[in-house]
Each structure stands twice: as C-alpha cells, then as structure tokens.
Amino acid sequence: MSITLVTGGARSGKSSYAEKICSAYGKPMVYIACGKITDAEMEDRIKKHQERRASNWKTVEKYRDFAQMKDQDYFCENDIFLLDCVTTMATNLMFDAGIDYDTCSMEEMNQVEKDVLEQFSELLDVVKKGHKTLVLVSNEVGSGVVPSYRMGRFFRDLAGRINQYLAQKADEVVWMVSGIPVRIKEGK
C-alpha cells in the first residue's frame, strides 16, 4: 500500500508517467477518470487518454463520494488505483457548489474549499483502510501569473492547498519536468 503524487505543468508527461508506475505492479488496475466532456477539446483530450489505457484496466468515472467505492466489486477486486486528475476533480467540485465565484461571499468560498478538501480526505481514507495503492495526477498551476479574475485566483490557491495536502500525505511525490520525473519526496 502506498500513495504517490505525480505533479507538474501542462503536458509535462504526468499521466503517462503515472500509468507507467501503475503498470509496473503487473496487476490490473482501476483508472479513476475525473474529466467531463464539456466541449470538443475536452472530448479529444479524454479520447486520447482512453486510447492509451491498457485493455485490462477498469475505468471508473468518479470525482466525489469515494466512501461508496469500498462496497464496489472493482474496489474489492483490485489493489492499484490511478486518479487523473486532482485539478479536474477540484474544478468539478467547485462547479457542483453552484455559486457565482465573482459575487459570492468569502464564507461561501471557504465552505467550498472545506468541502473539496473533505472529498480528497475521504479518498485517502478509503484507500488507506482498504490497503490499496493510489497514484494521483495533479497540475502545478501556481507557478504562472496571478489570474486577473476572482474564480481563477480561488482555483489557483485551492489547487495549491490540495497539492500541499496530498504531498504531505503521500509516500512519494514526483514532479514532472519536460517528460522527466524528478523525485521530490522519496518513498518509504
């Protein structure tokens, strides 16, 4: 049982590397896909990810309510799980809140952050209690310019806090740079 966080910039090779980590176990795995088709670009992105997956991988489209997984056959029958991706999951959860990020109160934004972090905590709890191996893919979005709009700043800050939380809980953290994995936290 272990938790690995693979993070980095856009198109840095995160997903491919995470898939290699999971494949190295030589067992069937569960691919937790968090993406939703919202436009043609996202549809193409999802299609490319699907085409790259091995045929013996089980795909589950899920980004919340992970406690329910423990009762599913795929959870009981598999030990290796890959979640792709953390920031897409966070985005979906942000939109599920149904608030206008340009006009909402700070209390509402703080509640969204709390709710989002609780979903990640629930995921880690289920994985640990089930003695599963989890590889998480995430984006480092805070290295660029400060977004000019409120929702963008909230998302950037939220993604940074989630990544810090996951890195703290992970056994290993890998930062992908131009397709090259750089271990920034060594596994036990």
N, C-alpha and C. Protein backbone atom coordinates (compact mmCIF):
# COMPACT_ATOMS: atom_id res chain seq x y z
N MET A 1 0.84 -1.17 0.00
CA MET A 1 0.00 0.00 0.00
C MET A 1 0.88 1.23 0.00
N SER A 2 0.60 2.15 -0.92
CA SER A 2 1.34 3.41 -0.95
C SER A 2 0.52 4.45 -1.69
N ILE A 3 0.90 5.70 -1.47
CA ILE A 3 0.29 6.83 -2.17
C ILE A 3 1.40 7.60 -2.85
N THR A 4 1.24 7.83 -4.16
CA THR A 4 2.20 8.60 -4.93
C THR A 4 1.47 9.76 -5.59
N LEU A 5 2.03 10.95 -5.48
CA LEU A 5 1.52 12.14 -6.16
C LEU A 5 2.46 12.47 -7.30
N VAL A 6 1.91 12.54 -8.52
CA VAL A 6 2.68 12.94 -9.70
C VAL A 6 2.14 14.30 -10.12
N THR A 7 2.99 15.32 -10.04
CA THR A 7 2.56 16.67 -10.33
C THR A 7 3.48 17.32 -11.35
N GLY A 8 3.05 18.42 -11.91
CA GLY A 8 3.85 19.13 -12.90
C GLY A 8 2.97 20.03 -13.74
N GLY A 9 3.57 20.66 -14.71
CA GLY A 9 2.85 21.57 -15.59
C GLY A 9 2.05 20.83 -16.65
N ALA A 10 1.33 21.61 -17.45
CA ALA A 10 0.52 21.05 -18.53
C ALA A 10 1.41 20.34 -19.54
N ARG A 11 0.96 19.17 -19.96
CA ARG A 11 1.65 18.37 -20.98
C ARG A 11 3.10 18.05 -20.61
N SER A 12 3.34 17.84 -19.32
CA SER A 12 4.70 17.53 -18.85
C SER A 12 4.96 16.03 -18.78
N GLY A 13 3.95 15.22 -19.09
CA GLY A 13 4.12 13.77 -19.04
C GLY A 13 3.60 13.12 -17.77
N LYS A 14 2.80 13.85 -17.00
CA LYS A 14 2.30 13.35 -15.72
C LYS A 14 1.48 12.07 -15.86
N SER A 15 0.48 12.10 -16.72
CA SER A 15 -0.41 10.95 -16.86
C SER A 15 0.34 9.73 -17.36
N SER A 16 1.16 9.90 -18.38
CA SER A 16 1.92 8.77 -18.92
C SER A 16 2.82 8.16 -17.85
N TYR A 17 3.47 9.01 -17.07
CA TYR A 17 4.36 8.51 -16.02
C TYR A 17 3.57 7.79 -14.93
N ALA A 18 2.44 8.35 -14.54
CA ALA A 18 1.60 7.71 -13.53
C ALA A 18 1.12 6.34 -14.01
N GLU A 19 0.78 6.25 -15.29
CA GLU A 19 0.37 4.97 -15.86
C GLU A 19 1.52 3.97 -15.83
N LYS A 20 2.74 4.42 -16.07
CA LYS A 20 3.90 3.53 -16.01
C LYS A 20 4.12 3.02 -14.59
N ILE A 21 3.94 3.89 -13.61
CA ILE A 21 4.07 3.47 -12.21
C ILE A 21 3.08 2.33 -11.93
N CYS A 22 1.83 2.54 -12.32
CA CYS A 22 0.79 1.53 -12.06
C CYS A 22 1.05 0.25 -12.84
N SER A 23 1.48 0.37 -14.07
CA SER A 23 1.75 -0.82 -14.90
C SER A 23 2.89 -1.66 -14.33
N ALA A 24 3.83 -1.01 -13.66
CA ALA A 24 4.99 -1.72 -13.10
C ALA A 24 4.58 -2.74 -12.04
N TYR A 25 3.41 -2.58 -11.45
CA TYR A 25 2.94 -3.56 -10.46
C TYR A 25 2.54 -4.87 -11.11
N GLY A 26 2.29 -4.84 -12.42
CA GLY A 26 1.94 -6.06 -13.14
C GLY A 26 0.58 -6.63 -12.78
N LYS A 27 -0.30 -5.79 -12.30
CA LYS A 27 -1.64 -6.22 -11.91
C LYS A 27 -2.67 -5.36 -12.64
N PRO A 28 -3.89 -5.86 -12.77
CA PRO A 28 -4.95 -4.99 -13.29
C PRO A 28 -5.13 -3.79 -12.35
N MET A 29 -5.57 -2.70 -12.89
CA MET A 29 -5.75 -1.50 -12.07
C MET A 29 -7.06 -0.82 -12.39
N VAL A 30 -7.43 0.10 -11.51
CA VAL A 30 -8.63 0.91 -11.69
C VAL A 30 -8.19 2.33 -11.99
N TYR A 31 -8.67 2.87 -13.10
CA TYR A 31 -8.37 4.22 -13.54
C TYR A 31 -9.56 5.09 -13.16
N ILE A 32 -9.38 5.96 -12.18
CA ILE A 32 -10.46 6.86 -11.76
C ILE A 32 -10.34 8.12 -12.60
N ALA A 33 -11.23 8.25 -13.57
CA ALA A 33 -11.21 9.37 -14.51
C ALA A 33 -12.14 10.47 -14.02
N CYS A 34 -11.60 11.66 -13.84
CA CYS A 34 -12.38 12.77 -13.28
C CYS A 34 -12.90 13.73 -14.35
N GLY A 35 -12.48 13.56 -15.59
CA GLY A 35 -12.85 14.50 -16.65
C GLY A 35 -14.30 14.36 -17.08
N LYS A 36 -14.88 15.49 -17.46
CA LYS A 36 -16.22 15.53 -18.03
C LYS A 36 -16.10 16.13 -19.43
N ILE A 37 -16.86 15.60 -20.36
CA ILE A 37 -16.86 16.18 -21.70
C ILE A 37 -17.73 17.44 -21.66
N THR A 38 -17.07 18.58 -21.83
CA THR A 38 -17.77 19.87 -21.83
C THR A 38 -17.66 20.58 -23.16
N ASP A 39 -16.72 20.16 -24.01
CA ASP A 39 -16.53 20.76 -25.33
C ASP A 39 -15.68 19.82 -26.18
N ALA A 40 -15.44 20.19 -27.43
CA ALA A 40 -14.71 19.32 -28.36
C ALA A 40 -13.27 19.09 -27.91
N GLU A 41 -12.64 20.10 -27.35
CA GLU A 41 -11.25 19.96 -26.89
C GLU A 41 -11.17 18.95 -25.76
N MET A 42 -12.09 19.03 -24.80
CA MET A 42 -12.09 18.10 -23.68
C MET A 42 -12.44 16.69 -24.15
N GLU A 43 -13.33 16.59 -25.11
CA GLU A 43 -13.67 15.29 -25.67
C GLU A 43 -12.44 14.64 -26.31
N ASP A 44 -11.66 15.42 -27.05
CA ASP A 44 -10.44 14.91 -27.69
C ASP A 44 -9.41 14.50 -26.64
N ARG A 45 -9.27 15.30 -25.61
CA ARG A 45 -8.32 15.00 -24.53
C ARG A 45 -8.68 13.68 -23.85
N ILE A 46 -9.95 13.51 -23.52
CA ILE A 46 -10.42 12.29 -22.87
C ILE A 46 -10.21 11.08 -23.79
N LYS A 47 -10.52 11.24 -25.07
CA LYS A 47 -10.35 10.15 -26.03
C LYS A 47 -8.89 9.70 -26.10
N LYS A 48 -7.96 10.64 -26.10
CA LYS A 48 -6.53 10.29 -26.16
C LYS A 48 -6.10 9.53 -24.91
N HIS A 49 -6.61 9.94 -23.77
CA HIS A 49 -6.31 9.22 -22.52
C HIS A 49 -6.88 7.81 -22.58
N GLN A 50 -8.10 7.66 -23.07
CA GLN A 50 -8.73 6.34 -23.15
C GLN A 50 -7.96 5.41 -24.07
N GLU A 51 -7.49 5.93 -25.20
CA GLU A 51 -6.76 5.12 -26.17
C GLU A 51 -5.43 4.62 -25.61
N ARG A 52 -4.86 5.35 -24.67
CA ARG A 52 -3.56 4.99 -24.10
C ARG A 52 -3.68 3.92 -23.02
N ARG A 53 -4.86 3.74 -22.47
CA ARG A 53 -5.05 2.80 -21.36
C ARG A 53 -5.00 1.36 -21.83
N ALA A 54 -4.43 0.52 -20.99
CA ALA A 54 -4.37 -0.92 -21.27
C ALA A 54 -5.78 -1.51 -21.19
N SER A 55 -6.00 -2.57 -21.95
CA SER A 55 -7.34 -3.17 -22.02
C SER A 55 -7.77 -3.82 -20.71
N ASN A 56 -6.81 -4.19 -19.86
CA ASN A 56 -7.18 -4.84 -18.59
C ASN A 56 -7.39 -3.84 -17.45
N TRP A 57 -7.37 -2.54 -17.77
CA TRP A 57 -7.64 -1.52 -16.76
C TRP A 57 -9.14 -1.26 -16.70
N LYS A 58 -9.65 -1.18 -15.51
CA LYS A 58 -11.05 -0.83 -15.29
C LYS A 58 -11.13 0.68 -15.15
N THR A 59 -12.00 1.32 -15.92
CA THR A 59 -12.17 2.77 -15.82
C THR A 59 -13.45 3.07 -15.05
N VAL A 60 -13.31 3.95 -14.06
CA VAL A 60 -14.44 4.41 -13.26
C VAL A 60 -14.47 5.92 -13.37
N GLU A 61 -15.59 6.46 -13.83
CA GLU A 61 -15.73 7.91 -13.93
C GLU A 61 -16.33 8.41 -12.62
N LYS A 62 -15.49 9.08 -11.84
CA LYS A 62 -15.89 9.46 -10.48
C LYS A 62 -15.01 10.60 -10.00
N TYR A 63 -15.60 11.54 -9.28
CA TYR A 63 -14.80 12.61 -8.70
C TYR A 63 -15.29 13.02 -7.31
N ARG A 64 -16.19 12.24 -6.75
CA ARG A 64 -16.69 12.55 -5.41
C ARG A 64 -17.28 11.29 -4.77
N ASP A 65 -17.59 11.42 -3.48
CA ASP A 65 -18.26 10.34 -2.74
C ASP A 65 -17.49 9.02 -2.81
N PHE A 66 -16.21 9.10 -2.49
CA PHE A 66 -15.33 7.94 -2.60
C PHE A 66 -15.58 6.88 -1.53
N ALA A 67 -16.24 7.23 -0.44
CA ALA A 67 -16.54 6.23 0.59
C ALA A 67 -17.39 5.10 0.00
N GLN A 68 -18.18 5.41 -1.01
CA GLN A 68 -19.03 4.40 -1.65
C GLN A 68 -18.22 3.35 -2.41
N MET A 69 -16.97 3.66 -2.74
CA MET A 69 -16.15 2.72 -3.51
C MET A 69 -15.93 1.41 -2.76
N LYS A 70 -15.82 1.48 -1.45
CA LYS A 70 -15.46 0.27 -0.68
C LYS A 70 -16.48 -0.85 -0.85
N ASP A 71 -17.69 -0.52 -1.28
CA ASP A 71 -18.73 -1.52 -1.48
C ASP A 71 -18.80 -2.02 -2.92
N GLN A 72 -17.95 -1.51 -3.79
CA GLN A 72 -17.98 -1.87 -5.20
C GLN A 72 -17.04 -3.05 -5.49
N ASP A 73 -17.45 -3.91 -6.41
CA ASP A 73 -16.62 -5.06 -6.79
C ASP A 73 -15.24 -4.62 -7.26
N TYR A 74 -15.18 -3.56 -8.08
CA TYR A 74 -13.88 -3.13 -8.60
C TYR A 74 -12.92 -2.72 -7.49
N PHE A 75 -13.45 -2.22 -6.39
CA PHE A 75 -12.59 -1.84 -5.27
C PHE A 75 -12.06 -3.08 -4.56
N CYS A 76 -12.94 -4.02 -4.33
CA CYS A 76 -12.55 -5.25 -3.62
C CYS A 76 -11.61 -6.12 -4.45
N GLU A 77 -11.75 -6.09 -5.77
CA GLU A 77 -11.00 -6.99 -6.66
C GLU A 77 -9.67 -6.42 -7.14
N ASN A 78 -9.37 -5.16 -6.87
CA ASN A 78 -8.15 -4.53 -7.37
C ASN A 78 -7.39 -3.85 -6.24
N ASP A 79 -6.08 -3.77 -6.42
CA ASP A 79 -5.22 -3.14 -5.42
C ASP A 79 -4.60 -1.83 -5.89
N ILE A 80 -4.58 -1.59 -7.21
CA ILE A 80 -3.89 -0.44 -7.78
C ILE A 80 -4.93 0.53 -8.36
N PHE A 81 -4.83 1.80 -7.94
CA PHE A 81 -5.77 2.83 -8.39
C PHE A 81 -5.00 4.05 -8.86
N LEU A 82 -5.45 4.62 -9.98
CA LEU A 82 -4.87 5.85 -10.51
C LEU A 82 -5.98 6.87 -10.65
N LEU A 83 -5.82 8.04 -10.04
CA LEU A 83 -6.80 9.12 -10.18
C LEU A 83 -6.20 10.20 -11.08
N ASP A 84 -6.89 10.51 -12.17
CA ASP A 84 -6.44 11.52 -13.13
C ASP A 84 -7.63 12.41 -13.46
N CYS A 85 -7.67 13.63 -13.01
CA CYS A 85 -6.61 14.30 -12.29
C CYS A 85 -7.19 15.13 -11.15
N VAL A 86 -6.34 15.45 -10.21
CA VAL A 86 -6.70 16.17 -9.00
C VAL A 86 -7.35 17.52 -9.32
N THR A 87 -6.75 18.28 -10.22
CA THR A 87 -7.28 19.62 -10.50
C THR A 87 -8.59 19.56 -11.28
N THR A 88 -8.77 18.53 -12.09
CA THR A 88 -10.06 18.36 -12.76
C THR A 88 -11.13 18.00 -11.74
N MET A 89 -10.77 17.14 -10.80
CA MET A 89 -11.69 16.80 -9.72
C MET A 89 -12.07 18.05 -8.93
N ALA A 90 -11.09 18.87 -8.60
CA ALA A 90 -11.35 20.10 -7.85
C ALA A 90 -12.26 21.04 -8.64
N THR A 91 -12.02 21.16 -9.94
CA THR A 91 -12.85 22.01 -10.79
C THR A 91 -14.30 21.53 -10.78
N ASN A 92 -14.50 20.23 -10.96
CA ASN A 92 -15.86 19.68 -10.95
C ASN A 92 -16.55 19.94 -9.62
N LEU A 93 -15.83 19.76 -8.53
CA LEU A 93 -16.40 20.01 -7.21
C LEU A 93 -16.73 21.49 -7.02
N MET A 94 -15.87 22.36 -7.53
CA MET A 94 -16.15 23.80 -7.46
C MET A 94 -17.46 24.13 -8.16
N PHE A 95 -17.65 23.59 -9.36
CA PHE A 95 -18.87 23.88 -10.11
C PHE A 95 -20.09 23.21 -9.50
N ASP A 96 -19.90 22.06 -8.86
CA ASP A 96 -21.01 21.41 -8.16
C ASP A 96 -21.58 22.29 -7.06
N ALA A 97 -20.75 23.17 -6.51
CA ALA A 97 -21.20 24.05 -5.42
C ALA A 97 -22.30 25.00 -5.88
N GLY A 98 -22.35 25.29 -7.19
CA GLY A 98 -23.42 26.11 -7.74
C GLY A 98 -23.41 27.56 -7.32
N ILE A 99 -22.23 28.10 -7.03
CA ILE A 99 -22.17 29.51 -6.64
C ILE A 99 -21.49 30.33 -7.73
N ASP A 100 -21.74 31.63 -7.71
CA ASP A 100 -21.09 32.56 -8.63
C ASP A 100 -19.84 33.07 -7.93
N TYR A 101 -18.69 32.64 -8.41
CA TYR A 101 -17.43 32.97 -7.75
C TYR A 101 -17.06 34.44 -7.87
N ASP A 102 -17.72 35.17 -8.76
CA ASP A 102 -17.45 36.60 -8.88
C ASP A 102 -18.18 37.41 -7.82
N THR A 103 -19.29 36.87 -7.31
CA THR A 103 -20.10 37.65 -6.37
C THR A 103 -20.31 36.98 -5.01
N CYS A 104 -19.88 35.75 -4.85
CA CYS A 104 -20.15 35.04 -3.59
C CYS A 104 -19.32 35.62 -2.44
N SER A 105 -19.73 35.28 -1.25
CA SER A 105 -19.03 35.76 -0.05
C SER A 105 -17.79 34.91 0.21
N MET A 106 -16.90 35.43 1.04
CA MET A 106 -15.72 34.67 1.44
C MET A 106 -16.13 33.43 2.23
N GLU A 107 -17.20 33.53 2.98
CA GLU A 107 -17.68 32.37 3.73
C GLU A 107 -18.08 31.24 2.78
N GLU A 108 -18.74 31.61 1.68
CA GLU A 108 -19.12 30.59 0.69
C GLU A 108 -17.88 29.96 0.05
N MET A 109 -16.90 30.77 -0.27
CA MET A 109 -15.67 30.25 -0.87
C MET A 109 -14.93 29.35 0.12
N ASN A 110 -14.88 29.77 1.38
CA ASN A 110 -14.23 28.95 2.40
C ASN A 110 -14.94 27.61 2.57
N GLN A 111 -16.27 27.62 2.46
CA GLN A 111 -17.03 26.38 2.57
C GLN A 111 -16.73 25.46 1.38
N VAL A 112 -16.63 26.03 0.19
CA VAL A 112 -16.29 25.22 -0.99
C VAL A 112 -14.92 24.58 -0.78
N GLU A 113 -13.95 25.36 -0.33
CA GLU A 113 -12.61 24.81 -0.10
C GLU A 113 -12.66 23.68 0.92
N LYS A 114 -13.40 23.87 1.99
CA LYS A 114 -13.53 22.84 3.02
C LYS A 114 -14.16 21.57 2.43
N ASP A 115 -15.23 21.75 1.65
CA ASP A 115 -15.91 20.60 1.05
C ASP A 115 -15.01 19.85 0.07
N VAL A 116 -14.24 20.59 -0.73
CA VAL A 116 -13.34 19.97 -1.70
C VAL A 116 -12.26 19.17 -0.97
N LEU A 117 -11.65 19.78 0.03
CA LEU A 117 -10.60 19.08 0.79
C LEU A 117 -11.15 17.83 1.49
N GLU A 118 -12.41 17.89 1.93
CA GLU A 118 -13.03 16.72 2.55
C GLU A 118 -13.15 15.56 1.57
N GLN A 119 -13.42 15.86 0.30
CA GLN A 119 -13.50 14.80 -0.71
C GLN A 119 -12.15 14.11 -0.89
N PHE A 120 -11.07 14.89 -0.89
CA PHE A 120 -9.74 14.29 -1.00
C PHE A 120 -9.39 13.48 0.25
N SER A 121 -9.78 13.99 1.40
CA SER A 121 -9.55 13.26 2.65
C SER A 121 -10.31 11.94 2.64
N GLU A 122 -11.54 11.96 2.15
CA GLU A 122 -12.35 10.75 2.06
C GLU A 122 -11.69 9.73 1.14
N LEU A 123 -11.17 10.18 0.00
CA LEU A 123 -10.48 9.29 -0.93
C LEU A 123 -9.29 8.62 -0.26
N LEU A 124 -8.45 9.41 0.39
CA LEU A 124 -7.26 8.85 1.04
C LEU A 124 -7.65 7.89 2.15
N ASP A 125 -8.69 8.21 2.88
CA ASP A 125 -9.15 7.35 3.97
C ASP A 125 -9.60 5.99 3.45
N VAL A 126 -10.38 5.98 2.38
CA VAL A 126 -10.87 4.72 1.80
C VAL A 126 -9.70 3.89 1.29
N VAL A 127 -8.76 4.54 0.63
CA VAL A 127 -7.60 3.83 0.07
C VAL A 127 -6.75 3.23 1.19
N LYS A 128 -6.49 4.01 2.23
CA LYS A 128 -5.66 3.50 3.33
C LYS A 128 -6.35 2.36 4.07
N LYS A 129 -7.63 2.53 4.38
CA LYS A 129 -8.35 1.47 5.09
C LYS A 129 -8.46 0.20 4.27
N GLY A 130 -8.49 0.35 2.94
CA GLY A 130 -8.57 -0.81 2.06
C GLY A 130 -7.22 -1.38 1.69
N HIS A 131 -6.15 -0.78 2.21
CA HIS A 131 -4.77 -1.22 1.92
C HIS A 131 -4.50 -1.25 0.42
N LYS A 132 -4.91 -0.17 -0.25
CA LYS A 132 -4.74 -0.05 -1.70
C LYS A 132 -3.56 0.86 -2.02
N THR A 133 -3.09 0.76 -3.25
CA THR A 133 -2.05 1.65 -3.77
C THR A 133 -2.75 2.68 -4.64
N LEU A 134 -2.42 3.96 -4.43
CA LEU A 134 -3.05 5.05 -5.17
C LEU A 134 -1.98 5.94 -5.79
N VAL A 135 -2.13 6.22 -7.07
CA VAL A 135 -1.29 7.19 -7.76
C VAL A 135 -2.21 8.32 -8.19
N LEU A 136 -1.87 9.54 -7.79
CA LEU A 136 -2.66 10.73 -8.11
C LEU A 136 -1.90 11.59 -9.10
N VAL A 137 -2.59 12.11 -10.11
CA VAL A 137 -2.01 13.04 -11.08
C VAL A 137 -2.58 14.42 -10.77
N SER A 138 -1.70 15.42 -10.69
CA SER A 138 -2.16 16.78 -10.42
C SER A 138 -1.35 17.79 -11.23
N ASN A 139 -1.90 18.97 -11.37
CA ASN A 139 -1.24 20.07 -12.07
C ASN A 139 -0.68 21.08 -11.08
N GLU A 140 0.50 21.57 -11.36
CA GLU A 140 1.05 22.70 -10.63
C GLU A 140 0.62 23.95 -11.38
N VAL A 141 -0.33 24.67 -10.82
CA VAL A 141 -0.88 25.84 -11.53
C VAL A 141 -0.43 27.16 -10.93
N GLY A 142 0.27 27.13 -9.82
CA GLY A 142 0.63 28.36 -9.12
C GLY A 142 1.94 28.98 -9.52
N SER A 143 2.60 28.45 -10.53
CA SER A 143 3.91 28.98 -10.92
C SER A 143 3.82 30.08 -11.96
N GLY A 144 2.65 30.34 -12.46
CA GLY A 144 2.47 31.34 -13.51
C GLY A 144 2.00 32.67 -12.96
N VAL A 145 1.36 33.42 -13.82
CA VAL A 145 0.87 34.75 -13.44
C VAL A 145 -0.34 34.61 -12.51
N VAL A 146 -0.60 35.65 -11.75
CA VAL A 146 -1.78 35.70 -10.89
C VAL A 146 -2.99 35.94 -11.80
N PRO A 147 -4.00 35.05 -11.75
CA PRO A 147 -5.18 35.26 -12.59
C PRO A 147 -5.84 36.61 -12.30
N SER A 148 -6.40 37.20 -13.33
CA SER A 148 -7.00 38.53 -13.19
C SER A 148 -8.43 38.48 -12.67
N TYR A 149 -9.00 37.30 -12.55
CA TYR A 149 -10.38 37.19 -12.09
C TYR A 149 -10.44 36.33 -10.83
N ARG A 150 -11.46 36.60 -10.03
CA ARG A 150 -11.59 36.03 -8.70
C ARG A 150 -11.64 34.49 -8.70
N MET A 151 -12.43 33.91 -9.59
CA MET A 151 -12.55 32.46 -9.61
C MET A 151 -11.20 31.82 -9.97
N GLY A 152 -10.47 32.42 -10.88
CA GLY A 152 -9.16 31.91 -11.26
C GLY A 152 -8.18 31.93 -10.09
N ARG A 153 -8.23 33.03 -9.33
CA ARG A 153 -7.35 33.11 -8.15
C ARG A 153 -7.75 32.08 -7.10
N PHE A 154 -9.06 31.91 -6.90
CA PHE A 154 -9.54 30.91 -5.95
C PHE A 154 -9.09 29.51 -6.37
N PHE A 155 -9.26 29.20 -7.65
CA PHE A 155 -8.86 27.88 -8.14
C PHE A 155 -7.36 27.66 -7.97
N ARG A 156 -6.57 28.65 -8.34
CA ARG A 156 -5.11 28.52 -8.21
C ARG A 156 -4.72 28.26 -6.76
N ASP A 157 -5.29 29.02 -5.84
CA ASP A 157 -4.98 28.85 -4.42
C ASP A 157 -5.48 27.50 -3.91
N LEU A 158 -6.68 27.11 -4.33
CA LEU A 158 -7.24 25.83 -3.91
C LEU A 158 -6.37 24.67 -4.41
N ALA A 159 -5.97 24.73 -5.67
CA ALA A 159 -5.11 23.67 -6.22
C ALA A 159 -3.80 23.58 -5.45
N GLY A 160 -3.23 24.72 -5.09
CA GLY A 160 -2.00 24.72 -4.31
C GLY A 160 -2.19 24.08 -2.94
N ARG A 161 -3.30 24.39 -2.29
CA ARG A 161 -3.57 23.81 -0.97
C ARG A 161 -3.82 22.31 -1.06
N ILE A 162 -4.55 21.90 -2.09
CA ILE A 162 -4.80 20.46 -2.29
C ILE A 162 -3.48 19.74 -2.52
N ASN A 163 -2.64 20.29 -3.39
CA ASN A 163 -1.36 19.64 -3.68
C ASN A 163 -0.48 19.55 -2.43
N GLN A 164 -0.48 20.60 -1.61
CA GLN A 164 0.28 20.54 -0.36
C GLN A 164 -0.26 19.44 0.55
N TYR A 165 -1.57 19.36 0.66
CA TYR A 165 -2.20 18.34 1.49
C TYR A 165 -1.84 16.94 0.99
N LEU A 166 -1.99 16.72 -0.31
CA LEU A 166 -1.71 15.40 -0.87
C LEU A 166 -0.23 15.05 -0.77
N ALA A 167 0.64 16.03 -0.99
CA ALA A 167 2.09 15.78 -0.89
C ALA A 167 2.47 15.39 0.54
N GLN A 168 1.84 16.04 1.50
CA GLN A 168 2.10 15.71 2.91
C GLN A 168 1.68 14.28 3.22
N LYS A 169 0.56 13.85 2.68
CA LYS A 169 0.02 12.51 2.95
C LYS A 169 0.69 11.42 2.11
N ALA A 170 1.28 11.81 0.98
CA ALA A 170 1.85 10.83 0.05
C ALA A 170 3.15 10.24 0.58
N ASP A 171 3.41 9.01 0.18
CA ASP A 171 4.68 8.36 0.48
C ASP A 171 5.77 8.85 -0.47
N GLU A 172 5.35 9.17 -1.69
CA GLU A 172 6.30 9.63 -2.71
C GLU A 172 5.65 10.74 -3.53
N VAL A 173 6.46 11.74 -3.90
CA VAL A 173 5.99 12.83 -4.77
C VAL A 173 6.98 12.96 -5.92
N VAL A 174 6.43 12.98 -7.13
CA VAL A 174 7.24 13.12 -8.34
C VAL A 174 6.79 14.37 -9.08
N TRP A 175 7.75 15.20 -9.43
CA TRP A 175 7.49 16.41 -10.20
C TRP A 175 7.96 16.15 -11.62
N MET A 176 7.06 16.26 -12.58
CA MET A 176 7.40 16.02 -13.98
C MET A 176 7.84 17.33 -14.62
N VAL A 177 9.01 17.29 -15.25
CA VAL A 177 9.56 18.46 -15.95
C VAL A 177 9.93 18.01 -17.36
N SER A 178 9.21 18.49 -18.35
CA SER A 178 9.50 18.17 -19.75
C SER A 178 9.63 16.67 -19.98
N GLY A 179 8.75 15.90 -19.35
CA GLY A 179 8.75 14.46 -19.53
C GLY A 179 9.73 13.71 -18.65
N ILE A 180 10.46 14.42 -17.81
CA ILE A 180 11.46 13.79 -16.94
C ILE A 180 10.96 13.80 -15.50
N PRO A 181 10.89 12.62 -14.86
CA PRO A 181 10.44 12.57 -13.47
C PRO A 181 11.54 13.00 -12.50
N VAL A 182 11.20 13.91 -11.61
CA VAL A 182 12.12 14.37 -10.57
C VAL A 182 11.47 14.03 -9.23
N ARG A 183 12.08 13.13 -8.48
CA ARG A 183 11.51 12.74 -7.18
C ARG A 183 11.81 13.84 -6.17
N ILE A 184 10.74 14.40 -5.60
CA ILE A 184 10.93 15.45 -4.60
C ILE A 184 10.58 14.97 -3.20
N LYS A 185 9.99 13.77 -3.12
CA LYS A 185 9.77 13.10 -1.84
C LYS A 185 9.92 11.61 -2.12
N GLU A 186 10.90 11.01 -1.49
CA GLU A 186 11.21 9.60 -1.73
C GLU A 186 10.25 8.70 -0.98
N GLY A 187 9.90 7.60 -1.62
CA GLY A 187 9.04 6.60 -0.99
C GLY A 187 9.75 5.90 0.15
N LYS A 188 8.96 5.27 0.99
CA LYS A 188 9.49 4.57 2.16
C LYS A 188 10.07 3.23 1.78
